[in-house]
């Protein structure tokens, strides 16, 4: 019975980077290193998912950060829409002379005097 080979993370990374760079094709790598093309494509999928180095804790932290950022984007989108509507309402009340509605009269002078001495 044939013993199962194991490959280092560095070897896998080297193979996939060579494949992705176009230096070698999957068929060339398979023949040169006596590995199946299916195994190469399996490694390619793993590489795309985690780069062979992402630990589960890092992945969880990354997913949490993405969730937080998605919430922030949602909140900012709502705020943006609210502010756009408020601006449209305030601009709708501006009359043709550029004055805001309702028209205001002249300002009354400030009161004179103050505390009696």
N, C-alpha and C. Protein backbone atom coordinates (compact mmCIF):
# COMPACT_ATOMS: atom_id res chain seq x y z
N UNK A 1 0.83 -1.17 0.00
CA UNK A 1 0.00 0.00 0.00
C UNK A 1 0.89 1.25 0.00
N UNK A 2 0.49 2.23 -0.78
CA UNK A 2 1.28 3.45 -0.95
C UNK A 2 1.05 4.40 0.22
N UNK A 3 2.14 4.99 0.69
CA UNK A 3 2.05 5.93 1.81
C UNK A 3 1.59 7.30 1.28
N UNK A 4 0.69 7.92 2.02
CA UNK A 4 0.17 9.23 1.62
C UNK A 4 1.24 10.30 1.85
N UNK A 5 1.47 11.11 0.82
CA UNK A 5 2.45 12.17 0.94
C UNK A 5 1.81 13.39 1.59
N UNK A 6 2.63 14.16 2.27
CA UNK A 6 2.14 15.43 2.82
C UNK A 6 3.05 16.53 2.28
N UNK A 7 2.46 17.68 2.05
CA UNK A 7 3.20 18.78 1.47
C UNK A 7 3.16 19.97 2.43
N UNK A 8 4.26 20.67 2.48
CA UNK A 8 4.34 21.83 3.37
C UNK A 8 3.50 22.97 2.81
N UNK A 9 3.12 23.85 3.69
CA UNK A 9 2.35 25.03 3.29
C UNK A 9 3.17 25.85 2.30
N UNK A 10 4.46 25.96 2.53
CA UNK A 10 5.31 26.74 1.63
C UNK A 10 5.35 26.13 0.23
N UNK A 11 5.41 24.81 0.14
CA UNK A 11 5.40 24.13 -1.17
C UNK A 11 4.08 24.39 -1.89
N UNK A 12 2.97 24.28 -1.16
CA UNK A 12 1.66 24.52 -1.76
C UNK A 12 1.56 25.96 -2.26
N UNK A 13 2.00 26.89 -1.42
CA UNK A 13 1.96 28.31 -1.80
C UNK A 13 2.80 28.55 -3.05
N UNK A 14 3.98 27.97 -3.10
CA UNK A 14 4.87 28.13 -4.24
C UNK A 14 4.21 27.59 -5.51
N UNK A 15 3.58 26.43 -5.42
CA UNK A 15 2.93 25.83 -6.59
C UNK A 15 1.78 26.72 -7.09
N UNK A 16 0.97 27.20 -6.19
CA UNK A 16 -0.20 27.98 -6.57
C UNK A 16 0.23 29.35 -7.11
N UNK A 17 1.23 29.96 -6.50
CA UNK A 17 1.70 31.25 -7.01
C UNK A 17 2.32 31.10 -8.39
N UNK A 18 3.00 30.00 -8.62
CA UNK A 18 3.55 29.73 -9.95
C UNK A 18 2.42 29.51 -10.96
N UNK A 19 1.40 28.82 -10.54
CA UNK A 19 0.24 28.58 -11.40
C UNK A 19 -0.48 29.89 -11.72
N UNK A 20 -0.73 30.71 -10.70
CA UNK A 20 -1.45 31.96 -10.89
C UNK A 20 -0.65 32.99 -11.69
N UNK A 21 0.65 32.96 -11.56
CA UNK A 21 1.47 33.93 -12.28
C UNK A 21 1.57 33.60 -13.76
N UNK A 22 1.24 32.37 -14.12
CA UNK A 22 1.31 31.97 -15.53
C UNK A 22 2.67 31.42 -15.92
N UNK A 23 3.57 31.28 -14.97
CA UNK A 23 4.89 30.72 -15.26
C UNK A 23 4.74 29.28 -15.75
N UNK A 24 3.88 28.54 -15.09
CA UNK A 24 3.64 27.14 -15.45
C UNK A 24 2.15 26.87 -15.49
N UNK A 25 1.77 25.91 -16.28
CA UNK A 25 0.37 25.49 -16.32
C UNK A 25 0.16 24.40 -15.28
N UNK A 26 -1.10 24.09 -15.04
CA UNK A 26 -1.41 23.02 -14.08
C UNK A 26 -0.84 21.69 -14.57
N UNK A 27 -0.90 21.45 -15.86
CA UNK A 27 -0.37 20.20 -16.41
C UNK A 27 1.14 20.12 -16.21
N UNK A 28 1.84 21.22 -16.44
CA UNK A 28 3.29 21.23 -16.25
C UNK A 28 3.66 20.98 -14.79
N UNK A 29 2.98 21.64 -13.88
CA UNK A 29 3.26 21.44 -12.46
C UNK A 29 2.95 20.02 -12.03
N UNK A 30 1.83 19.48 -12.54
CA UNK A 30 1.44 18.11 -12.19
C UNK A 30 2.51 17.11 -12.61
N UNK A 31 2.98 17.25 -13.85
CA UNK A 31 4.01 16.32 -14.34
C UNK A 31 5.32 16.50 -13.59
N UNK A 32 5.73 17.74 -13.39
CA UNK A 32 7.03 18.01 -12.77
C UNK A 32 7.10 17.50 -11.33
N UNK A 33 6.00 17.61 -10.58
CA UNK A 33 6.03 17.26 -9.16
C UNK A 33 5.24 15.99 -8.85
N UNK A 34 4.75 15.32 -9.88
CA UNK A 34 4.01 14.06 -9.71
C UNK A 34 2.83 14.22 -8.75
N UNK A 35 2.03 15.25 -9.02
CA UNK A 35 0.80 15.46 -8.26
C UNK A 35 -0.35 15.63 -9.25
N UNK A 36 -1.54 15.35 -8.80
CA UNK A 36 -2.68 15.45 -9.70
C UNK A 36 -3.10 16.90 -9.90
N UNK A 37 -3.68 17.17 -11.05
CA UNK A 37 -4.17 18.54 -11.31
C UNK A 37 -5.34 18.85 -10.39
N UNK A 38 -6.10 17.82 -10.02
CA UNK A 38 -7.19 18.03 -9.07
C UNK A 38 -6.69 18.53 -7.73
N UNK A 39 -5.56 18.00 -7.30
CA UNK A 39 -4.96 18.45 -6.04
C UNK A 39 -4.52 19.91 -6.16
N UNK A 40 -3.95 20.26 -7.31
CA UNK A 40 -3.55 21.66 -7.53
C UNK A 40 -4.75 22.58 -7.44
N UNK A 41 -5.86 22.20 -8.08
CA UNK A 41 -7.03 23.05 -8.05
C UNK A 41 -7.65 23.11 -6.64
N UNK A 42 -7.51 22.02 -5.90
CA UNK A 42 -7.96 22.02 -4.50
C UNK A 42 -7.12 23.02 -3.70
N UNK A 43 -5.82 22.99 -3.89
CA UNK A 43 -4.94 23.93 -3.21
C UNK A 43 -5.24 25.36 -3.64
N UNK A 44 -5.56 25.54 -4.92
CA UNK A 44 -5.87 26.87 -5.44
C UNK A 44 -7.10 27.44 -4.74
N UNK A 45 -8.10 26.58 -4.52
CA UNK A 45 -9.31 26.99 -3.82
C UNK A 45 -8.98 27.38 -2.37
N UNK A 46 -8.17 26.55 -1.72
CA UNK A 46 -7.75 26.84 -0.35
C UNK A 46 -6.97 28.15 -0.28
N UNK A 47 -6.11 28.36 -1.25
CA UNK A 47 -5.29 29.57 -1.30
C UNK A 47 -6.17 30.80 -1.45
N UNK A 48 -7.16 30.71 -2.32
CA UNK A 48 -8.06 31.84 -2.53
C UNK A 48 -8.88 32.13 -1.28
N UNK A 49 -9.22 31.09 -0.55
CA UNK A 49 -10.05 31.25 0.64
C UNK A 49 -9.26 31.82 1.82
N UNK A 50 -8.07 31.28 2.05
CA UNK A 50 -7.35 31.69 3.25
C UNK A 50 -5.88 31.98 3.04
N UNK A 51 -5.38 31.79 1.85
CA UNK A 51 -3.96 32.04 1.63
C UNK A 51 -3.06 31.07 2.36
N UNK A 52 -3.59 29.94 2.78
CA UNK A 52 -2.88 28.90 3.53
C UNK A 52 -2.39 29.36 4.89
N UNK A 53 -2.60 30.63 5.24
CA UNK A 53 -2.03 31.08 6.49
C UNK A 53 -3.04 31.64 7.47
N UNK A 54 -4.26 31.84 7.03
CA UNK A 54 -5.25 32.45 7.92
C UNK A 54 -5.69 31.43 8.96
N UNK A 55 -5.48 31.76 10.17
CA UNK A 55 -5.91 30.89 11.25
C UNK A 55 -7.40 31.12 11.50
N UNK A 56 -8.10 30.15 12.06
CA UNK A 56 -9.53 30.31 12.30
C UNK A 56 -9.86 31.57 13.11
N UNK A 57 -9.05 31.91 14.10
CA UNK A 57 -9.32 33.09 14.91
C UNK A 57 -9.24 34.35 14.07
N UNK A 58 -8.28 34.40 13.15
CA UNK A 58 -8.16 35.55 12.27
C UNK A 58 -9.37 35.64 11.36
N UNK A 59 -9.84 34.51 10.88
CA UNK A 59 -11.01 34.48 9.99
C UNK A 59 -12.25 34.98 10.73
N UNK A 60 -12.44 34.56 11.96
CA UNK A 60 -13.58 35.01 12.76
C UNK A 60 -13.49 36.52 13.00
N UNK A 61 -12.31 37.00 13.31
CA UNK A 61 -12.12 38.44 13.54
C UNK A 61 -12.41 39.22 12.27
N UNK A 62 -11.97 38.69 11.15
CA UNK A 62 -12.21 39.35 9.87
C UNK A 62 -13.71 39.40 9.56
N UNK A 63 -14.41 38.31 9.80
CA UNK A 63 -15.85 38.27 9.56
C UNK A 63 -16.59 39.24 10.47
N UNK A 64 -16.15 39.35 11.72
CA UNK A 64 -16.76 40.29 12.66
C UNK A 64 -16.55 41.73 12.17
N UNK A 65 -15.36 42.03 11.70
CA UNK A 65 -15.06 43.37 11.20
C UNK A 65 -15.92 43.68 9.97
N UNK A 66 -16.10 42.72 9.09
CA UNK A 66 -16.95 42.91 7.91
C UNK A 66 -18.39 43.19 8.35
N UNK A 67 -18.86 42.45 9.35
CA UNK A 67 -20.23 42.66 9.86
C UNK A 67 -20.38 44.07 10.41
N UNK A 68 -19.39 44.53 11.19
CA UNK A 68 -19.43 45.88 11.75
C UNK A 68 -19.44 46.94 10.65
N UNK A 69 -18.61 46.73 9.64
CA UNK A 69 -18.55 47.70 8.54
C UNK A 69 -19.85 47.72 7.74
N UNK A 70 -20.47 46.55 7.56
CA UNK A 70 -21.75 46.51 6.86
C UNK A 70 -22.82 47.25 7.64
N UNK A 71 -22.81 47.12 8.96
CA UNK A 71 -23.77 47.85 9.79
C UNK A 71 -23.53 49.36 9.67
N UNK A 72 -22.27 49.75 9.68
CA UNK A 72 -21.93 51.16 9.56
C UNK A 72 -22.39 51.72 8.21
N UNK A 73 -22.18 50.97 7.15
CA UNK A 73 -22.62 51.40 5.83
C UNK A 73 -24.13 51.57 5.81
N UNK A 74 -24.85 50.65 6.40
CA UNK A 74 -26.31 50.75 6.47
C UNK A 74 -26.76 51.99 7.23
N UNK A 75 -26.14 52.23 8.37
CA UNK A 75 -26.50 53.39 9.19
C UNK A 75 -26.20 54.69 8.45
N UNK A 76 -25.03 54.76 7.81
CA UNK A 76 -24.66 55.97 7.08
C UNK A 76 -25.56 56.19 5.86
N UNK A 77 -25.99 55.12 5.24
CA UNK A 77 -26.92 55.23 4.11
C UNK A 77 -28.24 55.82 4.57
N UNK A 78 -28.74 55.34 5.70
CA UNK A 78 -29.99 55.89 6.24
C UNK A 78 -29.84 57.37 6.59
N UNK A 79 -28.74 57.73 7.24
CA UNK A 79 -28.50 59.12 7.59
C UNK A 79 -28.42 59.99 6.34
N UNK A 80 -27.73 59.49 5.32
CA UNK A 80 -27.58 60.22 4.08
C UNK A 80 -28.94 60.48 3.43
N UNK A 81 -29.78 59.45 3.38
CA UNK A 81 -31.12 59.61 2.80
C UNK A 81 -31.95 60.61 3.60
N UNK A 82 -31.86 60.54 4.91
CA UNK A 82 -32.59 61.47 5.77
C UNK A 82 -32.16 62.91 5.49
N UNK A 83 -30.86 63.12 5.41
CA UNK A 83 -30.35 64.47 5.18
C UNK A 83 -30.71 64.98 3.78
N UNK A 84 -30.71 64.11 2.80
CA UNK A 84 -31.12 64.51 1.45
C UNK A 84 -32.57 64.98 1.45
N UNK A 85 -33.44 64.22 2.11
CA UNK A 85 -34.86 64.60 2.17
C UNK A 85 -35.04 65.90 2.92
N UNK A 86 -34.32 66.08 4.00
CA UNK A 86 -34.43 67.32 4.78
C UNK A 86 -33.97 68.51 3.94
N UNK A 87 -32.91 68.35 3.19
CA UNK A 87 -32.42 69.42 2.33
C UNK A 87 -33.44 69.74 1.24
N UNK A 88 -34.03 68.70 0.64
CA UNK A 88 -35.04 68.92 -0.39
C UNK A 88 -36.24 69.68 0.18
N UNK A 89 -36.67 69.33 1.38
CA UNK A 89 -37.80 70.03 2.01
C UNK A 89 -37.45 71.49 2.28
N UNK A 90 -36.25 71.75 2.76
CA UNK A 90 -35.88 73.13 3.08
C UNK A 90 -35.73 73.94 1.80
N UNK A 91 -35.25 73.34 0.72
CA UNK A 91 -35.12 74.06 -0.54
C UNK A 91 -36.48 74.30 -1.19
N UNK A 92 -37.45 73.46 -0.91
CA UNK A 92 -38.79 73.63 -1.47
C UNK A 92 -39.46 74.87 -0.88
N UNK A 93 -39.03 75.33 0.26
CA UNK A 93 -39.63 76.48 0.93
C UNK A 93 -38.95 77.79 0.56
N UNK A 94 -38.00 77.76 -0.33
CA UNK A 94 -37.32 78.98 -0.75
C UNK A 94 -38.14 79.58 -1.89
N UNK A 95 -38.49 80.89 -1.78
CA UNK A 95 -39.31 81.50 -2.83
C UNK A 95 -38.44 81.91 -4.01
N UNK A 96 -39.04 82.45 -5.01
CA UNK A 96 -38.33 82.78 -6.24
C UNK A 96 -37.28 83.86 -6.03
N UNK A 97 -37.38 84.69 -5.00
CA UNK A 97 -36.39 85.72 -4.73
C UNK A 97 -35.21 85.20 -3.91
N UNK A 98 -35.24 83.91 -3.59
CA UNK A 98 -34.15 83.34 -2.84
C UNK A 98 -34.30 83.49 -1.34
N UNK A 99 -35.48 84.01 -0.91
CA UNK A 99 -35.70 84.16 0.54
C UNK A 99 -36.36 82.90 1.07
N UNK A 100 -36.04 82.58 2.27
CA UNK A 100 -36.67 81.40 2.86
C UNK A 100 -38.08 81.73 3.30
N UNK A 101 -38.93 80.78 3.30
CA UNK A 101 -40.35 80.93 3.65
C UNK A 101 -40.57 80.47 5.05
N UNK A 102 -41.31 81.00 5.90
CA UNK A 102 -42.13 82.19 5.70
C UNK A 102 -41.27 83.43 5.73
N UNK A 103 -41.72 84.47 5.01
CA UNK A 103 -40.93 85.71 4.99
C UNK A 103 -40.88 86.32 6.39
N UNK A 104 -39.77 86.88 6.69
CA UNK A 104 -39.61 87.51 8.00
C UNK A 104 -39.54 89.01 7.81
N UNK A 105 -40.04 89.77 8.76
CA UNK A 105 -40.00 91.22 8.69
C UNK A 105 -38.66 91.74 9.11
N UNK A 106 -38.52 93.05 9.09
CA UNK A 106 -37.24 93.63 9.52
C UNK A 106 -36.98 93.30 10.98
N UNK A 107 -35.77 93.21 11.30
CA UNK A 107 -35.38 92.90 12.67
C UNK A 107 -35.68 94.11 13.54
N UNK A 108 -36.21 93.84 14.69
CA UNK A 108 -36.47 94.93 15.63
C UNK A 108 -35.16 95.29 16.31
N UNK A 109 -34.98 96.57 16.65
CA UNK A 109 -33.72 96.97 17.30
C UNK A 109 -33.62 96.33 18.67
N UNK A 110 -32.41 96.11 19.12
CA UNK A 110 -32.24 95.50 20.44
C UNK A 110 -32.78 96.43 21.51
N UNK A 111 -33.31 95.88 22.57
CA UNK A 111 -33.86 96.72 23.64
C UNK A 111 -32.77 97.55 24.27
N UNK A 112 -33.16 98.82 24.65
CA UNK A 112 -32.21 99.72 25.29
C UNK A 112 -32.34 99.62 26.79
N UNK A 113 -31.29 100.03 27.40
CA UNK A 113 -31.34 100.08 28.85
C UNK A 113 -30.93 98.76 29.45
N UNK A 114 -31.57 98.42 30.46
CA UNK A 114 -31.23 97.20 31.14
C UNK A 114 -31.66 97.35 32.57
N UNK A 115 -30.83 96.98 33.44
CA UNK A 115 -31.15 97.11 34.86
C UNK A 115 -31.11 98.58 35.24
N UNK A 116 -32.08 99.03 35.99
CA UNK A 116 -32.14 100.43 36.42
C UNK A 116 -31.11 100.64 37.52
N UNK A 117 -30.41 101.73 37.40
CA UNK A 117 -29.41 101.99 38.41
C UNK A 117 -29.95 102.83 39.52
